[in-house]
Amino acid sequence: MQYKYQNYTKYVVLTDQRSGSGWLRSMLGSHPKLTDYAEIFLHGLPGLRRLAAKCHGNEFLTEEGSAHARSFLEKTKDLPDGAHYEEFWEPAVDMMSHFTNGNEKAVGFKWMMNQGLDNKVDEAIDYFNENNFKVVILDRQNLLRQCI
């Protein structure tokens, strides 16, 4: 199968709650050549497993995307459903950054700081640099609280 975009941009939005990330995602998601997968850890390991099982071998994904879904299932097969994000963040990020049908110019997702990132920031930044991610960091400053 021939894909329009062999080389697409991978991105991640690192943020806390109430930072404007939902608004940013809605703006990004309105672009026809971009896919944003929201908060990838929102439904925990069981949610990611369901997604991987549903998607690997699906014609929606490139062959590479299907291979990364299979790899995620293999790497997490011995983890309990209640495993903490720190135990499976890397295979999850790897899988989600390859979920493309070949027609996108960019694929990305949001990772909330309280979803295991706060303890893995240095490791995650190294991973993002090594894997050519564009990183967007949203940090809200509550100016009203600063004035009171």
C-alpha atoms as a PDB file:
ATOM      1  CA  MET A   1       0.000   0.000   0.000  1.00  0.00           C
ATOM      2  CA  GLN A   2       1.264   3.462  -0.871  1.00  0.00           C
ATOM      3  CA  TYR A   3       0.882   6.137   1.796  1.00  0.00           C
ATOM      4  CA  LYS A   4       0.784   9.860   1.138  1.00  0.00           C
ATOM      5  CA  TYR A   5       3.084  10.732   4.024  1.00  0.00           C
ATOM      6  CA  GLN A   6       5.928   8.356   4.796  1.00  0.00           C
ATOM      7  CA  ASN A   7       7.484  10.841   7.203  1.00  0.00           C
ATOM      8  CA  TYR A   8       5.057  12.481   9.575  1.00  0.00           C
ATOM      9  CA  THR A   9       5.667  14.655  12.604  1.00  0.00           C
ATOM     10  CA  LYS A  10       5.138  13.134  16.043  1.00  0.00           C
ATOM     11  CA  TYR A  11       4.162  15.484  18.835  1.00  0.00           C
ATOM     12  CA  VAL A  12       3.180  15.397  22.485  1.00  0.00           C
ATOM     13  CA  VAL A  13       1.453  18.042  24.591  1.00  0.00           C
ATOM     14  CA  LEU A  14       2.726  17.897  28.189  1.00  0.00           C
ATOM     15  CA  THR A  15       0.412  19.689  30.575  1.00  0.00           C
ATOM     16  CA  ASP A  16      -1.547  19.962  33.803  1.00  0.00           C
ATOM     17  CA  GLN A  17      -5.286  20.322  34.239  1.00  0.00           C
ATOM     18  CA  ARG A  18      -6.880  23.692  33.469  1.00  0.00           C
ATOM     19  CA  SER A  19      -4.051  24.774  31.177  1.00  0.00           C
ATOM     20  CA  GLY A  20      -5.957  25.291  27.931  1.00  0.00           C
ATOM     21  CA  SER A  21      -4.883  21.936  26.504  1.00  0.00           C
ATOM     22  CA  GLY A  22      -8.454  21.022  25.524  1.00  0.00           C
ATOM     23  CA  TRP A  23      -8.722  24.212  23.495  1.00  0.00           C
ATOM     24  CA  LEU A  24      -5.319  23.559  21.900  1.00  0.00           C
ATOM     25  CA  ARG A  25      -6.360  20.012  21.012  1.00  0.00           C
ATOM     26  CA  SER A  26      -9.592  21.222  19.426  1.00  0.00           C
ATOM     27  CA  MET A  27      -7.577  23.644  17.277  1.00  0.00           C
ATOM     28  CA  LEU A  28      -5.085  20.952  16.293  1.00  0.00           C
ATOM     29  CA  GLY A  29      -7.861  18.426  15.673  1.00  0.00           C
ATOM     30  CA  SER A  30      -9.577  20.736  13.227  1.00  0.00           C
ATOM     31  CA  HIS A  31      -6.661  20.369  10.818  1.00  0.00           C
ATOM     32  CA  PRO A  32      -7.446  17.720   8.168  1.00  0.00           C
ATOM     33  CA  LYS A  33      -3.870  16.385   8.015  1.00  0.00           C
ATOM     34  CA  LEU A  34      -3.368  15.977  11.764  1.00  0.00           C
ATOM     35  CA  THR A  35      -4.578  13.314  14.192  1.00  0.00           C
ATOM     36  CA  ASP A  36      -4.647  14.001  17.925  1.00  0.00           C
ATOM     37  CA  TYR A  37      -5.329  11.043  20.234  1.00  0.00           C
ATOM     38  CA  ALA A  38      -6.216  13.072  23.336  1.00  0.00           C
ATOM     39  CA  GLU A  39      -5.049  11.868  26.760  1.00  0.00           C
ATOM     40  CA  ILE A  40      -3.565   8.495  26.012  1.00  0.00           C
ATOM     41  CA  PHE A  41      -3.512   7.411  29.672  1.00  0.00           C
ATOM     42  CA  LEU A  42      -7.069   8.507  30.476  1.00  0.00           C
ATOM     43  CA  HIS A  43      -8.441   4.940  30.462  1.00  0.00           C
ATOM     44  CA  GLY A  44      -5.325   3.282  31.863  1.00  0.00           C
ATOM     45  CA  LEU A  45      -3.770   0.057  30.689  1.00  0.00           C
ATOM     46  CA  PRO A  46      -7.094  -1.730  29.999  1.00  0.00           C
ATOM     47  CA  GLY A  47      -8.165   1.055  27.632  1.00  0.00           C
ATOM     48  CA  LEU A  48      -4.871   0.975  25.748  1.00  0.00           C
ATOM     49  CA  ARG A  49      -5.037  -2.815  25.498  1.00  0.00           C
ATOM     50  CA  ARG A  50      -8.557  -2.632  24.035  1.00  0.00           C
ATOM     51  CA  LEU A  51      -7.394  -0.061  21.512  1.00  0.00           C
ATOM     52  CA  ALA A  52      -4.335  -2.086  20.519  1.00  0.00           C
ATOM     53  CA  ALA A  53      -6.348  -5.308  20.179  1.00  0.00           C
ATOM     54  CA  LYS A  54      -8.968  -3.562  18.068  1.00  0.00           C
ATOM     55  CA  CYS A  55      -6.465  -1.804  15.837  1.00  0.00           C
ATOM     56  CA  HIS A  56      -3.651  -4.214  15.096  1.00  0.00           C
ATOM     57  CA  GLY A  57      -4.322  -5.836  11.758  1.00  0.00           C
ATOM     58  CA  ASN A  58      -6.922  -3.166  10.941  1.00  0.00           C
ATOM     59  CA  GLU A  59      -6.672  -1.631   7.469  1.00  0.00           C
ATOM     60  CA  PHE A  60      -7.025   1.809   9.111  1.00  0.00           C
ATOM     61  CA  LEU A  61      -3.415   1.624  10.282  1.00  0.00           C
ATOM     62  CA  THR A  62      -0.219   1.360   8.334  1.00  0.00           C
ATOM     63  CA  GLU A  63       1.611  -1.955   8.635  1.00  0.00           C
ATOM     64  CA  GLU A  64       4.051  -0.219  10.966  1.00  0.00           C
ATOM     65  CA  GLY A  65       1.189   1.005  13.166  1.00  0.00           C
ATOM     66  CA  SER A  66      -0.207  -2.528  13.401  1.00  0.00           C
ATOM     67  CA  ALA A  67       3.227  -3.853  14.336  1.00  0.00           C
ATOM     68  CA  HIS A  68       3.508  -1.291  17.149  1.00  0.00           C
ATOM     69  CA  ALA A  69       0.045  -2.296  18.439  1.00  0.00           C
ATOM     70  CA  ARG A  70       1.159  -5.953  18.547  1.00  0.00           C
ATOM     71  CA  SER A  71       4.381  -4.926  20.271  1.00  0.00           C
ATOM     72  CA  PHE A  72       2.429  -2.988  22.921  1.00  0.00           C
ATOM     73  CA  LEU A  73       0.265  -6.034  23.670  1.00  0.00           C
ATOM     74  CA  GLU A  74       3.342  -8.248  23.929  1.00  0.00           C
ATOM     75  CA  LYS A  75       5.274  -5.847  26.188  1.00  0.00           C
ATOM     76  CA  THR A  76       2.353  -5.351  28.588  1.00  0.00           C
ATOM     77  CA  LYS A  77       0.927  -8.880  28.678  1.00  0.00           C
ATOM     78  CA  ASP A  78       2.322  -9.643  32.154  1.00  0.00           C
ATOM     79  CA  LEU A  79       1.221  -6.377  33.762  1.00  0.00           C
ATOM     80  CA  PRO A  80      -1.970  -6.315  35.847  1.00  0.00           C
ATOM     81  CA  ASP A  81      -4.814  -4.101  34.609  1.00  0.00           C
ATOM     82  CA  GLY A  82      -4.214  -1.747  37.533  1.00  0.00           C
ATOM     83  CA  ALA A  83      -0.537  -1.178  36.657  1.00  0.00           C
ATOM     84  CA  HIS A  84       0.704   2.365  37.190  1.00  0.00           C
ATOM     85  CA  TYR A  85       1.525   4.499  34.142  1.00  0.00           C
ATOM     86  CA  GLU A  86       5.205   4.401  35.048  1.00  0.00           C
ATOM     87  CA  GLU A  87       5.242   0.688  34.225  1.00  0.00           C
ATOM     88  CA  PHE A  88       3.989   0.996  30.646  1.00  0.00           C
ATOM     89  CA  TRP A  89       4.408   4.593  29.483  1.00  0.00           C
ATOM     90  CA  GLU A  90       7.120   3.894  26.934  1.00  0.00           C
ATOM     91  CA  PRO A  91       5.343   1.126  24.962  1.00  0.00           C
ATOM     92  CA  ALA A  92       2.134   3.186  25.133  1.00  0.00           C
ATOM     93  CA  VAL A  93       3.813   6.300  23.739  1.00  0.00           C
ATOM     94  CA  ASP A  94       5.548   4.211  21.089  1.00  0.00           C
ATOM     95  CA  MET A  95       2.265   2.619  19.999  1.00  0.00           C
ATOM     96  CA  MET A  96       0.234   5.828  19.927  1.00  0.00           C
ATOM     97  CA  SER A  97       2.878   7.771  18.006  1.00  0.00           C
ATOM     98  CA  HIS A  98       2.644   5.183  15.223  1.00  0.00           C
ATOM     99  CA  PHE A  99      -1.156   5.119  14.974  1.00  0.00           C
ATOM    100  CA  THR A 100      -1.405   6.574  11.487  1.00  0.00           C
ATOM    101  CA  ASN A 101      -3.150   5.587   8.293  1.00  0.00           C
ATOM    102  CA  GLY A 102      -0.427   7.247   6.228  1.00  0.00           C
ATOM    103  CA  ASN A 103      -2.552  10.257   5.314  1.00  0.00           C
ATOM    104  CA  GLU A 104      -1.576  12.509   8.229  1.00  0.00           C
ATOM    105  CA  LYS A 105       1.253  14.991   8.345  1.00  0.00           C
ATOM    106  CA  ALA A 106       1.285  14.887  12.161  1.00  0.00           C
ATOM    107  CA  VAL A 107       0.173  12.496  14.896  1.00  0.00           C
ATOM    108  CA  GLY A 108       0.156  13.320  18.581  1.00  0.00           C
ATOM    109  CA  PHE A 109      -1.444  13.133  21.983  1.00  0.00           C
ATOM    110  CA  LYS A 110      -1.681  14.777  25.376  1.00  0.00           C
ATOM    111  CA  TRP A 111       0.096  13.516  28.488  1.00  0.00           C
ATOM    112  CA  MET A 112      -1.002  15.008  31.790  1.00  0.00           C
ATOM    113  CA  MET A 113       1.746  15.575  34.349  1.00  0.00           C
ATOM    114  CA  ASN A 114      -0.187  13.679  37.043  1.00  0.00           C
ATOM    115  CA  GLN A 115      -0.411  10.562  34.848  1.00  0.00           C
ATOM    116  CA  GLY A 116       3.035   9.237  35.702  1.00  0.00           C
ATOM    117  CA  LEU A 117       4.953  11.925  33.857  1.00  0.00           C
ATOM    118  CA  ASP A 118       5.881  13.892  36.969  1.00  0.00           C
ATOM    119  CA  ASN A 119       8.209  11.060  38.085  1.00  0.00           C
ATOM    120  CA  LYS A 120       9.602  10.344  34.607  1.00  0.00           C
ATOM    121  CA  VAL A 121      10.155  13.785  33.104  1.00  0.00           C
ATOM    122  CA  ASP A 122      13.884  13.424  32.394  1.00  0.00           C
ATOM    123  CA  GLU A 123      13.483   9.919  30.990  1.00  0.00           C
ATOM    124  CA  ALA A 124      10.500  10.983  28.881  1.00  0.00           C
ATOM    125  CA  ILE A 125      12.279  14.061  27.491  1.00  0.00           C
ATOM    126  CA  ASP A 126      15.239  11.870  26.480  1.00  0.00           C
ATOM    127  CA  TYR A 127      12.803   9.467  24.782  1.00  0.00           C
ATOM    128  CA  PHE A 128      11.059  12.309  22.945  1.00  0.00           C
ATOM    129  CA  ASN A 129      14.388  13.738  21.758  1.00  0.00           C
ATOM    130  CA  GLU A 130      15.691  10.346  20.612  1.00  0.00           C
ATOM    131  CA  ASN A 131      12.461   9.664  18.698  1.00  0.00           C
ATOM    132  CA  ASN A 132      12.142  13.092  17.050  1.00  0.00           C
ATOM    133  CA  PHE A 133       9.017  14.292  18.849  1.00  0.00           C
ATOM    134  CA  LYS A 134       7.950  17.892  18.857  1.00  0.00           C
ATOM    135  CA  VAL A 135       7.128  18.742  22.481  1.00  0.00           C
ATOM    136  CA  VAL A 136       4.568  21.353  23.509  1.00  0.00           C
ATOM    137  CA  ILE A 137       4.596  22.245  27.209  1.00  0.00           C
ATOM    138  CA  LEU A 138       1.530  24.081  28.479  1.00  0.00           C
ATOM    139  CA  ASP A 139       1.850  25.748  31.859  1.00  0.00           C
ATOM    140  CA  ARG A 140      -0.954  27.875  33.205  1.00  0.00           C
ATOM    141  CA  GLN A 141      -0.176  30.674  35.578  1.00  0.00           C
ATOM    142  CA  ASN A 142      -3.152  31.781  37.613  1.00  0.00           C
ATOM    143  CA  LEU A 143      -2.694  35.556  37.568  1.00  0.00           C
ATOM    144  CA  LEU A 144      -5.785  36.172  39.702  1.00  0.00           C
ATOM    145  CA  ARG A 145      -4.414  33.981  42.482  1.00  0.00           C
ATOM    146  CA  GLN A 146      -1.090  35.838  42.274  1.00  0.00           C
ATOM    147  CA  CYS A 147      -2.875  39.157  42.803  1.00  0.00           C
ATOM    148  CA  ILE A 148      -4.820  38.105  45.902  1.00  0.00           C
END
